[in-house]
């Protein structure tokens, strides 16, 4: 069990303290190691429960150009098969190391190829896009909310609630979460009732794309 959290917005430095607090709330999910990535618009954090060892499986993970950044909670069962199809020279120390390379090669079609249980956040600096995804059965938790044009995500609801205690909870979505059968039930609905949250259209998949042309629109 690991924990992931992060935020995307116009000024990542202003979001860093919020994301740091969120990941601290999740530290019990992965007390062995912690990693964080920050650039001008993105903050991605990970707290890890080591299975194979501390050295293996450090996150966030990157592609060779370091313009695709990923944090993952879960396990990829067909890792060897996926690595073979990538034809890359980089050494994969853990099953999650292949994720940024898969995204670089296949984009969101990569999720059709992965066999496993996972919650993944991918920051694509090339396209200014955040991709949040879960496995088809929703075995690993992942929640998000939007506050004043910034999107935040976390492995648990509580860190997102603590950011703004006056938030009004979307009761319909909470009910969906109790009986979720398809991952898109959670990933395509906001936990919190929001106004003007820049939703443009819904992709009938189990992933969400948040695009930032200048900070911007939500595609899900």
N, C-alpha and C. Protein backbone atom coordinates (compact mmCIF):
# COMPACT_ATOMS: atom_id res chain seq x y z
N UNK A 1 0.84 -1.19 0.00
CA UNK A 1 0.00 0.00 0.00
C UNK A 1 0.88 1.24 0.00
N UNK A 2 0.61 2.15 -0.92
CA UNK A 2 1.32 3.42 -1.00
C UNK A 2 0.30 4.56 -1.03
N UNK A 3 0.78 5.78 -1.07
CA UNK A 3 -0.11 6.93 -1.15
C UNK A 3 0.41 7.91 -2.18
N UNK A 4 -0.50 8.51 -2.94
CA UNK A 4 -0.12 9.55 -3.89
C UNK A 4 -0.97 10.78 -3.67
N UNK A 5 -0.41 11.93 -4.01
CA UNK A 5 -1.12 13.20 -3.89
C UNK A 5 -0.45 14.20 -4.82
N UNK A 6 -1.17 15.26 -5.15
CA UNK A 6 -0.57 16.27 -6.01
C UNK A 6 -1.53 17.39 -6.33
N UNK A 7 -1.02 18.35 -7.09
CA UNK A 7 -1.84 19.48 -7.51
C UNK A 7 -1.29 20.09 -8.79
N UNK A 8 -2.18 20.63 -9.60
CA UNK A 8 -1.82 21.31 -10.84
C UNK A 8 -2.51 22.66 -10.84
N UNK A 9 -1.74 23.71 -11.16
CA UNK A 9 -2.32 25.05 -11.19
C UNK A 9 -1.34 26.05 -11.76
N UNK A 10 -1.70 27.33 -11.67
CA UNK A 10 -0.89 28.39 -12.28
C UNK A 10 0.43 28.59 -11.55
N UNK A 11 0.45 28.28 -10.25
CA UNK A 11 1.65 28.53 -9.46
C UNK A 11 1.88 27.37 -8.50
N UNK A 12 2.74 26.46 -8.89
CA UNK A 12 2.97 25.26 -8.09
C UNK A 12 3.59 25.58 -6.74
N UNK A 13 4.38 26.65 -6.67
CA UNK A 13 5.02 26.99 -5.40
C UNK A 13 3.98 27.28 -4.33
N UNK A 14 2.86 27.90 -4.72
CA UNK A 14 1.81 28.18 -3.75
C UNK A 14 1.06 26.92 -3.34
N UNK A 15 1.12 25.85 -4.19
CA UNK A 15 0.44 24.60 -3.89
C UNK A 15 1.32 23.62 -3.13
N UNK A 16 2.60 23.89 -3.06
CA UNK A 16 3.54 22.92 -2.49
C UNK A 16 3.21 22.59 -1.04
N UNK A 17 2.89 23.61 -0.25
CA UNK A 17 2.60 23.36 1.17
C UNK A 17 1.33 22.54 1.33
N UNK A 18 0.34 22.77 0.47
CA UNK A 18 -0.91 22.00 0.55
C UNK A 18 -0.66 20.53 0.22
N UNK A 19 0.11 20.30 -0.84
CA UNK A 19 0.40 18.92 -1.24
C UNK A 19 1.27 18.23 -0.18
N UNK A 20 2.22 18.97 0.39
CA UNK A 20 3.06 18.40 1.45
C UNK A 20 2.23 17.96 2.64
N UNK A 21 1.22 18.75 3.01
CA UNK A 21 0.34 18.39 4.11
C UNK A 21 -0.48 17.16 3.75
N UNK A 22 -0.94 17.09 2.50
CA UNK A 22 -1.73 15.93 2.08
C UNK A 22 -0.91 14.65 2.17
N UNK A 23 0.32 14.70 1.67
CA UNK A 23 1.13 13.48 1.66
C UNK A 23 1.53 13.08 3.07
N UNK A 24 1.66 14.05 3.98
CA UNK A 24 1.95 13.71 5.38
C UNK A 24 0.78 12.96 6.01
N UNK A 25 -0.44 13.30 5.61
CA UNK A 25 -1.61 12.58 6.11
C UNK A 25 -1.66 11.15 5.59
N UNK A 26 -0.97 10.91 4.50
CA UNK A 26 -0.97 9.58 3.88
C UNK A 26 0.26 8.76 4.23
N UNK A 27 1.13 9.30 5.10
CA UNK A 27 2.42 8.66 5.35
C UNK A 27 2.27 7.26 5.93
N UNK A 28 1.17 7.01 6.63
CA UNK A 28 0.98 5.68 7.22
C UNK A 28 0.78 4.62 6.13
N UNK A 29 0.36 5.07 4.93
CA UNK A 29 0.18 4.13 3.83
C UNK A 29 1.52 3.65 3.26
N UNK A 30 2.57 4.45 3.48
CA UNK A 30 3.88 4.10 2.97
C UNK A 30 4.98 4.79 3.76
N UNK A 31 5.34 4.24 4.91
CA UNK A 31 6.30 4.90 5.81
C UNK A 31 7.76 4.72 5.44
N UNK A 32 8.06 3.95 4.38
CA UNK A 32 9.45 3.60 4.09
C UNK A 32 10.20 4.62 3.25
N UNK A 33 9.48 5.38 2.45
CA UNK A 33 10.16 6.34 1.57
C UNK A 33 9.15 7.39 1.12
N UNK A 34 9.65 8.56 0.73
CA UNK A 34 8.79 9.64 0.26
C UNK A 34 9.50 10.40 -0.84
N UNK A 35 8.77 10.78 -1.88
CA UNK A 35 9.35 11.54 -2.97
C UNK A 35 8.40 12.62 -3.44
N UNK A 36 8.96 13.71 -3.98
CA UNK A 36 8.12 14.81 -4.46
C UNK A 36 8.75 15.43 -5.69
N UNK A 37 7.90 15.84 -6.63
CA UNK A 37 8.34 16.53 -7.85
C UNK A 37 7.63 17.87 -7.91
N UNK A 38 8.38 18.92 -8.28
CA UNK A 38 7.81 20.26 -8.38
C UNK A 38 8.35 20.95 -9.63
N UNK A 39 7.45 21.54 -10.41
CA UNK A 39 7.88 22.47 -11.45
C UNK A 39 6.99 23.71 -11.36
N UNK A 40 6.88 24.50 -12.38
CA UNK A 40 6.15 25.77 -12.29
C UNK A 40 4.64 25.59 -12.11
N UNK A 41 4.10 24.48 -12.59
CA UNK A 41 2.65 24.29 -12.54
C UNK A 41 2.20 23.00 -11.88
N UNK A 42 3.12 22.14 -11.49
CA UNK A 42 2.73 20.82 -10.99
C UNK A 42 3.51 20.44 -9.73
N UNK A 43 2.80 19.76 -8.83
CA UNK A 43 3.41 19.14 -7.66
C UNK A 43 2.87 17.72 -7.56
N UNK A 44 3.76 16.72 -7.60
CA UNK A 44 3.37 15.32 -7.47
C UNK A 44 4.17 14.70 -6.33
N UNK A 45 3.47 14.00 -5.44
CA UNK A 45 4.14 13.41 -4.27
C UNK A 45 3.73 11.96 -4.10
N UNK A 46 4.62 11.21 -3.45
CA UNK A 46 4.41 9.77 -3.27
C UNK A 46 5.00 9.35 -1.95
N UNK A 47 4.27 8.52 -1.23
CA UNK A 47 4.79 7.91 -0.01
C UNK A 47 4.67 6.40 -0.17
N UNK A 48 5.74 5.67 0.21
CA UNK A 48 5.90 4.30 -0.26
C UNK A 48 6.06 3.27 0.84
N UNK A 49 5.36 2.18 0.66
CA UNK A 49 5.59 0.97 1.46
C UNK A 49 6.49 0.06 0.63
N UNK A 50 7.72 -0.14 1.09
CA UNK A 50 8.70 -0.91 0.31
C UNK A 50 8.41 -2.40 0.39
N UNK A 51 8.34 -3.04 -0.77
CA UNK A 51 8.14 -4.48 -0.84
C UNK A 51 9.46 -5.17 -1.19
N UNK A 52 10.12 -4.68 -2.24
CA UNK A 52 11.36 -5.29 -2.70
C UNK A 52 12.60 -4.70 -2.02
N UNK A 53 12.50 -3.46 -1.59
CA UNK A 53 13.65 -2.79 -0.99
C UNK A 53 13.52 -1.29 -1.17
N UNK A 54 14.26 -0.52 -0.38
CA UNK A 54 14.16 0.94 -0.43
C UNK A 54 14.68 1.48 -1.75
N UNK A 55 15.77 0.91 -2.25
CA UNK A 55 16.38 1.43 -3.47
C UNK A 55 15.48 1.22 -4.69
N UNK A 56 14.86 0.07 -4.78
CA UNK A 56 13.97 -0.20 -5.89
C UNK A 56 12.63 0.49 -5.67
N UNK A 57 12.08 1.01 -6.75
CA UNK A 57 10.73 1.55 -6.69
C UNK A 57 10.61 2.98 -6.22
N UNK A 58 11.68 3.77 -6.30
CA UNK A 58 11.59 5.17 -5.91
C UNK A 58 10.66 5.92 -6.86
N UNK A 59 9.88 6.81 -6.31
CA UNK A 59 8.96 7.62 -7.09
C UNK A 59 9.05 9.08 -6.63
N UNK A 60 8.65 10.01 -7.51
CA UNK A 60 8.07 9.86 -8.84
C UNK A 60 9.03 9.19 -9.83
N UNK A 61 8.44 8.65 -10.92
CA UNK A 61 9.21 8.05 -11.99
C UNK A 61 9.16 8.96 -13.22
N UNK A 62 10.17 8.82 -14.10
CA UNK A 62 10.32 9.73 -15.25
C UNK A 62 10.66 8.93 -16.50
N UNK A 63 10.33 9.51 -17.65
CA UNK A 63 10.86 8.99 -18.90
C UNK A 63 12.28 9.54 -19.08
N UNK A 64 12.94 9.18 -20.16
CA UNK A 64 14.33 9.57 -20.36
C UNK A 64 14.49 11.09 -20.43
N UNK A 65 13.55 11.78 -21.08
CA UNK A 65 13.63 13.23 -21.22
C UNK A 65 13.12 13.96 -19.98
N UNK A 66 12.56 13.22 -19.06
CA UNK A 66 12.04 13.76 -17.79
C UNK A 66 10.94 14.81 -18.02
N UNK A 67 10.18 14.63 -19.10
CA UNK A 67 9.04 15.51 -19.32
C UNK A 67 7.72 14.79 -19.14
N UNK A 68 7.78 13.52 -18.69
CA UNK A 68 6.61 12.77 -18.27
C UNK A 68 6.90 12.25 -16.87
N UNK A 69 6.09 12.65 -15.92
CA UNK A 69 6.34 12.36 -14.51
C UNK A 69 5.14 11.60 -13.96
N UNK A 70 5.40 10.53 -13.21
CA UNK A 70 4.32 9.66 -12.73
C UNK A 70 4.47 9.33 -11.25
N UNK A 71 3.34 9.23 -10.59
CA UNK A 71 3.29 8.63 -9.25
C UNK A 71 2.21 7.54 -9.30
N UNK A 72 2.50 6.41 -8.66
CA UNK A 72 1.63 5.24 -8.78
C UNK A 72 1.44 4.56 -7.44
N UNK A 73 0.23 4.13 -7.19
CA UNK A 73 -0.07 3.24 -6.07
C UNK A 73 -0.63 1.97 -6.68
N UNK A 74 0.05 0.85 -6.48
CA UNK A 74 -0.49 -0.39 -7.01
C UNK A 74 0.58 -1.35 -7.50
N UNK A 75 0.13 -2.30 -8.30
CA UNK A 75 1.02 -3.34 -8.81
C UNK A 75 0.64 -3.66 -10.25
N UNK A 76 1.66 -3.73 -11.12
CA UNK A 76 1.46 -4.07 -12.52
C UNK A 76 1.83 -5.54 -12.71
N UNK A 77 0.86 -6.38 -13.00
CA UNK A 77 1.09 -7.83 -13.07
C UNK A 77 1.87 -8.24 -14.32
N UNK A 78 1.61 -7.57 -15.44
CA UNK A 78 2.27 -7.95 -16.70
C UNK A 78 3.44 -7.03 -17.02
N UNK A 79 4.19 -6.67 -16.00
CA UNK A 79 5.31 -5.74 -16.16
C UNK A 79 6.34 -6.24 -17.18
N UNK A 80 6.72 -7.50 -17.10
CA UNK A 80 7.75 -8.02 -18.01
C UNK A 80 7.29 -7.91 -19.47
N UNK A 81 6.06 -8.23 -19.71
CA UNK A 81 5.51 -8.13 -21.07
C UNK A 81 5.54 -6.69 -21.57
N UNK A 82 5.17 -5.76 -20.71
CA UNK A 82 5.15 -4.34 -21.08
C UNK A 82 6.55 -3.81 -21.36
N UNK A 83 7.51 -4.18 -20.52
CA UNK A 83 8.89 -3.73 -20.71
C UNK A 83 9.44 -4.25 -22.03
N UNK A 84 9.12 -5.48 -22.37
CA UNK A 84 9.60 -6.06 -23.63
C UNK A 84 9.08 -5.31 -24.85
N UNK A 85 7.86 -4.82 -24.77
CA UNK A 85 7.28 -4.11 -25.90
C UNK A 85 7.80 -2.67 -26.02
N UNK A 86 8.45 -2.17 -24.98
CA UNK A 86 8.96 -0.80 -25.00
C UNK A 86 10.27 -0.68 -25.76
N UNK A 87 11.10 -1.70 -25.66
CA UNK A 87 12.41 -1.68 -26.34
C UNK A 87 13.25 -0.48 -25.90
N UNK A 88 13.36 -0.29 -24.59
CA UNK A 88 14.17 0.81 -24.05
C UNK A 88 15.37 0.22 -23.31
N UNK A 89 16.42 1.02 -23.22
CA UNK A 89 17.65 0.56 -22.59
C UNK A 89 17.67 0.83 -21.08
N UNK A 90 16.79 1.71 -20.61
CA UNK A 90 16.77 2.04 -19.20
C UNK A 90 16.45 0.81 -18.36
N UNK A 91 17.14 0.66 -17.25
CA UNK A 91 16.93 -0.47 -16.36
C UNK A 91 15.69 -0.24 -15.51
N UNK A 92 14.81 -1.21 -15.47
CA UNK A 92 13.58 -1.12 -14.70
C UNK A 92 13.76 -1.88 -13.39
N UNK A 93 13.85 -1.15 -12.30
CA UNK A 93 14.06 -1.77 -10.99
C UNK A 93 12.76 -2.17 -10.32
N UNK A 94 11.65 -1.63 -10.81
CA UNK A 94 10.36 -1.90 -10.19
C UNK A 94 9.29 -1.90 -11.28
N UNK A 95 8.15 -2.52 -10.99
CA UNK A 95 7.10 -2.62 -12.00
C UNK A 95 6.53 -1.26 -12.40
N UNK A 96 6.63 -0.26 -11.54
CA UNK A 96 6.08 1.06 -11.87
C UNK A 96 7.03 1.90 -12.71
N UNK A 97 8.27 1.48 -12.86
CA UNK A 97 9.24 2.27 -13.64
C UNK A 97 8.87 2.37 -15.11
N UNK A 98 8.11 1.41 -15.61
CA UNK A 98 7.77 1.40 -17.03
C UNK A 98 6.65 2.36 -17.39
N UNK A 99 5.93 2.89 -16.41
CA UNK A 99 4.72 3.66 -16.69
C UNK A 99 4.99 4.93 -17.52
N UNK A 100 5.97 5.77 -17.16
CA UNK A 100 6.20 6.96 -18.01
C UNK A 100 6.60 6.61 -19.43
N UNK A 101 7.32 5.50 -19.61
CA UNK A 101 7.72 5.07 -20.96
C UNK A 101 6.51 4.55 -21.74
N UNK A 102 5.61 3.85 -21.04
CA UNK A 102 4.38 3.39 -21.69
C UNK A 102 3.54 4.57 -22.15
N UNK A 103 3.43 5.57 -21.30
CA UNK A 103 2.64 6.74 -21.68
C UNK A 103 3.27 7.48 -22.85
N UNK A 104 4.59 7.57 -22.83
CA UNK A 104 5.29 8.25 -23.92
C UNK A 104 5.03 7.56 -25.26
N UNK A 105 4.93 6.24 -25.25
CA UNK A 105 4.75 5.48 -26.49
C UNK A 105 3.29 5.34 -26.89
N UNK A 106 2.40 5.12 -25.92
CA UNK A 106 1.02 4.79 -26.25
C UNK A 106 0.00 5.84 -25.82
N UNK A 107 0.41 6.87 -25.11
CA UNK A 107 -0.51 7.85 -24.54
C UNK A 107 -1.54 7.11 -23.67
N UNK A 108 -2.80 7.58 -23.65
CA UNK A 108 -3.79 6.96 -22.75
C UNK A 108 -4.20 5.57 -23.20
N UNK A 109 -3.82 5.17 -24.40
CA UNK A 109 -4.08 3.79 -24.83
C UNK A 109 -3.29 2.78 -23.99
N UNK A 110 -2.32 3.26 -23.24
CA UNK A 110 -1.53 2.38 -22.38
C UNK A 110 -2.42 1.64 -21.36
N UNK A 111 -3.50 2.29 -20.95
CA UNK A 111 -4.34 1.69 -19.93
C UNK A 111 -5.07 0.44 -20.43
N UNK A 112 -5.20 0.31 -21.73
CA UNK A 112 -5.79 -0.90 -22.29
C UNK A 112 -4.81 -2.06 -22.23
N UNK A 113 -3.54 -1.77 -22.06
CA UNK A 113 -2.50 -2.79 -22.08
C UNK A 113 -2.08 -3.26 -20.69
N UNK A 114 -2.37 -2.45 -19.68
CA UNK A 114 -1.91 -2.77 -18.32
C UNK A 114 -2.85 -3.76 -17.65
N UNK A 115 -2.27 -4.79 -17.07
CA UNK A 115 -3.00 -5.73 -16.24
C UNK A 115 -2.51 -5.56 -14.81
N UNK A 116 -3.39 -5.10 -13.94
CA UNK A 116 -2.95 -4.88 -12.57
C UNK A 116 -3.99 -4.13 -11.77
N UNK A 117 -3.62 -3.77 -10.57
CA UNK A 117 -4.45 -2.91 -9.73
C UNK A 117 -3.65 -1.65 -9.46
N UNK A 118 -4.22 -0.50 -9.78
CA UNK A 118 -3.40 0.71 -9.73
C UNK A 118 -4.25 1.98 -9.64
N UNK A 119 -3.64 3.00 -9.10
CA UNK A 119 -4.09 4.39 -9.22
C UNK A 119 -2.85 5.16 -9.67
N UNK A 120 -2.96 5.87 -10.78
CA UNK A 120 -1.81 6.52 -11.41
C UNK A 120 -2.11 7.98 -11.68
N UNK A 121 -1.14 8.83 -11.40
CA UNK A 121 -1.19 10.24 -11.81
C UNK A 121 0.01 10.50 -12.72
N UNK A 122 -0.26 11.04 -13.89
CA UNK A 122 0.78 11.33 -14.87
C UNK A 122 0.74 12.82 -15.20
N UNK A 123 1.87 13.50 -15.08
CA UNK A 123 1.98 14.89 -15.50
C UNK A 123 2.78 14.93 -16.79
N UNK A 124 2.10 15.31 -17.88
CA UNK A 124 2.71 15.41 -19.20
C UNK A 124 3.08 16.88 -19.44
N UNK A 125 4.33 17.21 -19.24
CA UNK A 125 4.78 18.60 -19.41
C UNK A 125 4.69 19.04 -20.86
N UNK A 126 4.79 18.11 -21.79
CA UNK A 126 4.76 18.46 -23.21
C UNK A 126 3.41 19.03 -23.61
N UNK A 127 2.35 18.46 -23.07
CA UNK A 127 0.99 18.86 -23.42
C UNK A 127 0.32 19.66 -22.31
N UNK A 128 1.02 19.87 -21.21
CA UNK A 128 0.42 20.51 -20.02
C UNK A 128 -0.86 19.80 -19.62
N UNK A 129 -0.76 18.48 -19.44
CA UNK A 129 -1.92 17.68 -19.08
C UNK A 129 -1.62 16.80 -17.88
N UNK A 130 -2.62 16.71 -17.01
CA UNK A 130 -2.58 15.77 -15.89
C UNK A 130 -3.55 14.64 -16.21
N UNK A 131 -3.07 13.42 -16.12
CA UNK A 131 -3.92 12.24 -16.33
C UNK A 131 -4.04 11.51 -15.01
N UNK A 132 -5.27 11.29 -14.56
CA UNK A 132 -5.54 10.49 -13.36
C UNK A 132 -6.25 9.22 -13.81
N UNK A 133 -5.78 8.08 -13.37
CA UNK A 133 -6.36 6.83 -13.85
C UNK A 133 -6.39 5.77 -12.76
N UNK A 134 -7.38 4.88 -12.85
CA UNK A 134 -7.48 3.73 -11.96
C UNK A 134 -7.71 2.49 -12.80
N UNK A 135 -7.43 1.33 -12.19
CA UNK A 135 -7.71 0.08 -12.89
C UNK A 135 -9.22 -0.06 -13.07
N UNK A 136 -9.62 -0.94 -13.95
CA UNK A 136 -11.02 -1.05 -14.36
C UNK A 136 -11.96 -1.42 -13.22
N UNK A 137 -11.45 -2.09 -12.21
CA UNK A 137 -12.30 -2.50 -11.09
C UNK A 137 -12.18 -1.56 -9.90
N UNK A 138 -11.37 -0.53 -10.03
CA UNK A 138 -11.27 0.47 -8.98
C UNK A 138 -10.72 -0.05 -7.68
N UNK A 139 -9.73 -0.93 -7.75
CA UNK A 139 -9.20 -1.54 -6.53
C UNK A 139 -8.35 -0.57 -5.71
N UNK A 140 -7.73 0.38 -6.38
CA UNK A 140 -6.90 1.36 -5.68
C UNK A 140 -7.61 2.71 -5.68
N UNK A 141 -7.69 3.36 -4.53
CA UNK A 141 -8.48 4.60 -4.42
C UNK A 141 -7.78 5.80 -5.06
N UNK A 142 -8.59 6.71 -5.59
CA UNK A 142 -8.07 7.96 -6.14
C UNK A 142 -9.21 8.97 -6.21
N UNK A 143 -9.01 10.13 -5.59
CA UNK A 143 -10.04 11.17 -5.53
C UNK A 143 -9.44 12.49 -5.97
N UNK A 144 -10.30 13.39 -6.44
CA UNK A 144 -9.80 14.70 -6.84
C UNK A 144 -10.83 15.77 -6.50
N UNK A 145 -10.38 17.01 -6.48
CA UNK A 145 -11.27 18.15 -6.34
C UNK A 145 -10.63 19.37 -6.98
N UNK A 146 -11.45 20.36 -7.28
CA UNK A 146 -10.98 21.59 -7.92
C UNK A 146 -11.28 22.76 -7.00
N UNK A 147 -10.27 23.58 -6.74
CA UNK A 147 -10.41 24.76 -5.89
C UNK A 147 -9.84 25.95 -6.64
N UNK A 148 -10.69 26.88 -7.01
CA UNK A 148 -10.27 28.14 -7.64
C UNK A 148 -9.32 27.89 -8.82
N UNK A 149 -9.71 26.97 -9.69
CA UNK A 149 -8.95 26.73 -10.90
C UNK A 149 -7.77 25.79 -10.74
N UNK A 150 -7.51 25.32 -9.52
CA UNK A 150 -6.44 24.35 -9.28
C UNK A 150 -7.06 22.98 -9.01
N UNK A 151 -6.46 21.93 -9.56
CA UNK A 151 -6.96 20.58 -9.32
C UNK A 151 -6.01 19.85 -8.37
N UNK A 152 -6.57 19.21 -7.36
CA UNK A 152 -5.80 18.44 -6.39
C UNK A 152 -6.31 17.00 -6.40
N UNK A 153 -5.40 16.06 -6.14
CA UNK A 153 -5.79 14.65 -6.09
C UNK A 153 -5.09 13.98 -4.92
N UNK A 154 -5.65 12.87 -4.46
CA UNK A 154 -5.06 12.13 -3.35
C UNK A 154 -5.63 10.72 -3.29
N UNK A 155 -4.93 9.84 -2.59
CA UNK A 155 -5.36 8.46 -2.43
C UNK A 155 -6.53 8.32 -1.47
N UNK A 156 -6.79 9.34 -0.68
CA UNK A 156 -7.88 9.29 0.28
C UNK A 156 -8.66 10.60 0.26
N UNK A 157 -9.89 10.55 0.76
CA UNK A 157 -10.76 11.72 0.76
C UNK A 157 -10.33 12.74 1.80
N UNK A 158 -9.92 12.27 2.98
CA UNK A 158 -9.67 13.17 4.11
C UNK A 158 -8.70 14.31 3.79
N UNK A 159 -7.54 14.06 3.17
CA UNK A 159 -6.63 15.18 2.89
C UNK A 159 -7.26 16.25 2.01
N UNK A 160 -8.14 15.86 1.10
CA UNK A 160 -8.81 16.83 0.24
C UNK A 160 -9.86 17.62 1.01
N UNK A 161 -10.53 16.98 1.93
CA UNK A 161 -11.53 17.66 2.76
C UNK A 161 -10.87 18.66 3.69
N UNK A 162 -9.71 18.32 4.22
CA UNK A 162 -9.04 19.19 5.19
C UNK A 162 -8.52 20.47 4.56
N UNK A 163 -8.41 20.50 3.24
CA UNK A 163 -7.92 21.69 2.57
C UNK A 163 -8.90 22.85 2.70
N UNK A 164 -10.20 22.54 2.79
CA UNK A 164 -11.24 23.56 2.83
C UNK A 164 -12.46 22.96 3.51
N UNK A 165 -12.54 23.10 4.80
CA UNK A 165 -13.54 22.38 5.59
C UNK A 165 -14.97 22.80 5.29
N UNK A 166 -15.17 23.98 4.70
CA UNK A 166 -16.52 24.45 4.45
C UNK A 166 -17.13 23.85 3.19
N UNK A 167 -16.41 22.96 2.51
CA UNK A 167 -16.88 22.39 1.25
C UNK A 167 -18.20 21.63 1.44
N UNK A 168 -19.05 21.70 0.43
CA UNK A 168 -20.30 20.97 0.43
C UNK A 168 -20.08 19.64 -0.28
N UNK A 169 -20.38 18.56 0.40
CA UNK A 169 -20.13 17.23 -0.15
C UNK A 169 -21.23 16.85 -1.15
N UNK A 170 -20.82 16.26 -2.24
CA UNK A 170 -21.75 15.74 -3.24
C UNK A 170 -22.24 14.37 -2.78
N UNK A 171 -23.41 14.33 -2.18
CA UNK A 171 -23.93 13.09 -1.61
C UNK A 171 -24.15 12.00 -2.62
N UNK A 172 -24.54 12.37 -3.84
CA UNK A 172 -24.75 11.37 -4.89
C UNK A 172 -23.47 10.62 -5.20
N UNK A 173 -22.36 11.35 -5.23
CA UNK A 173 -21.08 10.72 -5.53
C UNK A 173 -20.63 9.83 -4.39
N UNK A 174 -20.86 10.25 -3.15
CA UNK A 174 -20.50 9.41 -2.02
C UNK A 174 -21.25 8.08 -2.08
N UNK A 175 -22.50 8.11 -2.49
CA UNK A 175 -23.28 6.89 -2.62
C UNK A 175 -22.68 6.00 -3.71
N UNK A 176 -22.27 6.61 -4.81
CA UNK A 176 -21.62 5.84 -5.88
C UNK A 176 -20.37 5.15 -5.37
N UNK A 177 -19.63 5.83 -4.49
CA UNK A 177 -18.37 5.29 -4.01
C UNK A 177 -18.58 4.05 -3.15
N UNK A 178 -19.72 3.97 -2.48
CA UNK A 178 -19.97 2.82 -1.63
C UNK A 178 -20.20 1.55 -2.45
N UNK A 179 -20.72 1.71 -3.67
CA UNK A 179 -21.09 0.55 -4.46
C UNK A 179 -20.44 0.57 -5.84
N UNK A 180 -19.25 1.17 -5.91
CA UNK A 180 -18.63 1.36 -7.22
C UNK A 180 -18.35 0.01 -7.89
N UNK A 181 -18.79 -0.08 -9.14
CA UNK A 181 -18.52 -1.27 -9.95
C UNK A 181 -17.62 -0.92 -11.13
N UNK A 182 -17.74 0.30 -11.60
CA UNK A 182 -16.89 0.74 -12.70
C UNK A 182 -16.06 1.92 -12.22
N UNK A 183 -14.82 1.95 -12.65
CA UNK A 183 -13.95 3.00 -12.17
C UNK A 183 -14.41 4.38 -12.60
N UNK A 184 -15.09 4.49 -13.75
CA UNK A 184 -15.49 5.81 -14.22
C UNK A 184 -16.57 6.43 -13.36
N UNK A 185 -17.22 5.63 -12.51
CA UNK A 185 -18.20 6.20 -11.60
C UNK A 185 -17.55 7.21 -10.69
N UNK A 186 -16.35 6.88 -10.21
CA UNK A 186 -15.63 7.81 -9.35
C UNK A 186 -14.85 8.83 -10.16
N UNK A 187 -14.13 8.37 -11.15
CA UNK A 187 -13.17 9.24 -11.80
C UNK A 187 -13.84 10.32 -12.65
N UNK A 188 -15.09 10.14 -13.04
CA UNK A 188 -15.74 11.16 -13.85
C UNK A 188 -16.73 12.00 -13.06
N UNK A 189 -16.67 11.93 -11.75
CA UNK A 189 -17.52 12.78 -10.92
C UNK A 189 -16.68 13.41 -9.81
N UNK A 190 -16.91 14.67 -9.58
CA UNK A 190 -16.20 15.33 -8.50
C UNK A 190 -16.85 14.96 -7.17
N UNK A 191 -16.02 14.73 -6.17
CA UNK A 191 -16.53 14.45 -4.83
C UNK A 191 -17.23 15.67 -4.25
N UNK A 192 -16.76 16.85 -4.65
CA UNK A 192 -17.28 18.07 -4.07
C UNK A 192 -18.12 18.83 -5.09
N UNK A 193 -19.18 19.46 -4.63
CA UNK A 193 -19.99 20.31 -5.49
C UNK A 193 -19.19 21.57 -5.80
N UNK A 194 -19.01 21.87 -7.06
CA UNK A 194 -18.22 23.03 -7.45
C UNK A 194 -18.98 23.86 -8.45
N UNK A 195 -18.62 25.11 -8.55
CA UNK A 195 -19.25 26.03 -9.50
C UNK A 195 -18.21 26.45 -10.52
N UNK A 196 -18.59 26.38 -11.81
CA UNK A 196 -17.68 26.83 -12.86
C UNK A 196 -16.38 26.06 -12.89
N UNK A 197 -16.46 24.73 -12.90
CA UNK A 197 -15.23 23.95 -12.81
C UNK A 197 -14.65 23.56 -14.18
N UNK A 198 -15.03 24.30 -15.23
CA UNK A 198 -14.39 24.18 -16.55
C UNK A 198 -14.49 22.78 -17.14
N UNK A 199 -15.61 22.11 -16.93
CA UNK A 199 -15.80 20.80 -17.54
C UNK A 199 -16.21 21.00 -19.00
N UNK A 200 -15.51 20.36 -19.90
CA UNK A 200 -15.85 20.52 -21.31
C UNK A 200 -16.55 19.28 -21.86
N UNK A 201 -16.00 18.10 -21.66
CA UNK A 201 -16.68 16.89 -22.07
C UNK A 201 -16.13 15.70 -21.32
N UNK A 202 -16.84 14.59 -21.39
CA UNK A 202 -16.48 13.40 -20.64
C UNK A 202 -15.97 12.32 -21.59
N UNK A 203 -14.82 11.76 -21.27
CA UNK A 203 -14.31 10.60 -21.99
C UNK A 203 -14.86 9.36 -21.32
N UNK A 204 -15.48 8.48 -22.07
CA UNK A 204 -16.09 7.29 -21.48
C UNK A 204 -15.02 6.23 -21.21
N UNK A 205 -14.14 6.54 -20.32
CA UNK A 205 -13.04 5.66 -19.96
C UNK A 205 -12.88 5.68 -18.45
N UNK A 206 -11.78 5.16 -17.98
CA UNK A 206 -11.52 5.13 -16.55
C UNK A 206 -10.35 6.03 -16.22
N UNK A 207 -10.21 7.11 -17.00
CA UNK A 207 -9.19 8.09 -16.68
C UNK A 207 -9.73 9.49 -16.91
N UNK A 208 -9.11 10.45 -16.28
CA UNK A 208 -9.47 11.86 -16.38
C UNK A 208 -8.28 12.63 -16.93
N UNK A 209 -8.54 13.60 -17.80
CA UNK A 209 -7.48 14.45 -18.34
C UNK A 209 -7.77 15.90 -17.97
N UNK A 210 -6.84 16.52 -17.33
CA UNK A 210 -6.96 17.94 -16.98
C UNK A 210 -5.93 18.70 -17.79
N UNK A 211 -6.41 19.54 -18.70
CA UNK A 211 -5.53 20.21 -19.65
C UNK A 211 -5.33 21.66 -19.25
N UNK A 212 -4.08 22.12 -19.36
CA UNK A 212 -3.75 23.48 -18.96
C UNK A 212 -3.10 24.23 -20.12
N UNK A 213 -3.89 24.86 -20.99
CA UNK A 213 -3.28 25.66 -22.05
C UNK A 213 -2.73 26.96 -21.49
N UNK A 214 -3.46 27.50 -20.55
CA UNK A 214 -3.01 28.70 -19.87
C UNK A 214 -3.46 28.59 -18.43
N UNK A 215 -4.03 27.60 -18.05
CA UNK A 215 -4.72 26.99 -16.93
C UNK A 215 -6.17 27.06 -17.30
N UNK A 216 -6.69 25.87 -17.27
CA UNK A 216 -7.78 25.75 -18.06
C UNK A 216 -8.92 24.86 -17.96
N UNK A 217 -9.01 23.89 -18.80
CA UNK A 217 -10.26 23.17 -18.91
C UNK A 217 -10.11 21.75 -18.37
N UNK A 218 -11.20 21.23 -17.98
CA UNK A 218 -11.23 19.86 -17.46
C UNK A 218 -11.89 18.96 -18.49
N UNK A 219 -11.18 17.94 -18.92
CA UNK A 219 -11.76 16.95 -19.82
C UNK A 219 -11.83 15.64 -19.05
N UNK A 220 -13.00 15.03 -18.99
CA UNK A 220 -13.06 13.82 -18.21
C UNK A 220 -14.10 12.86 -18.73
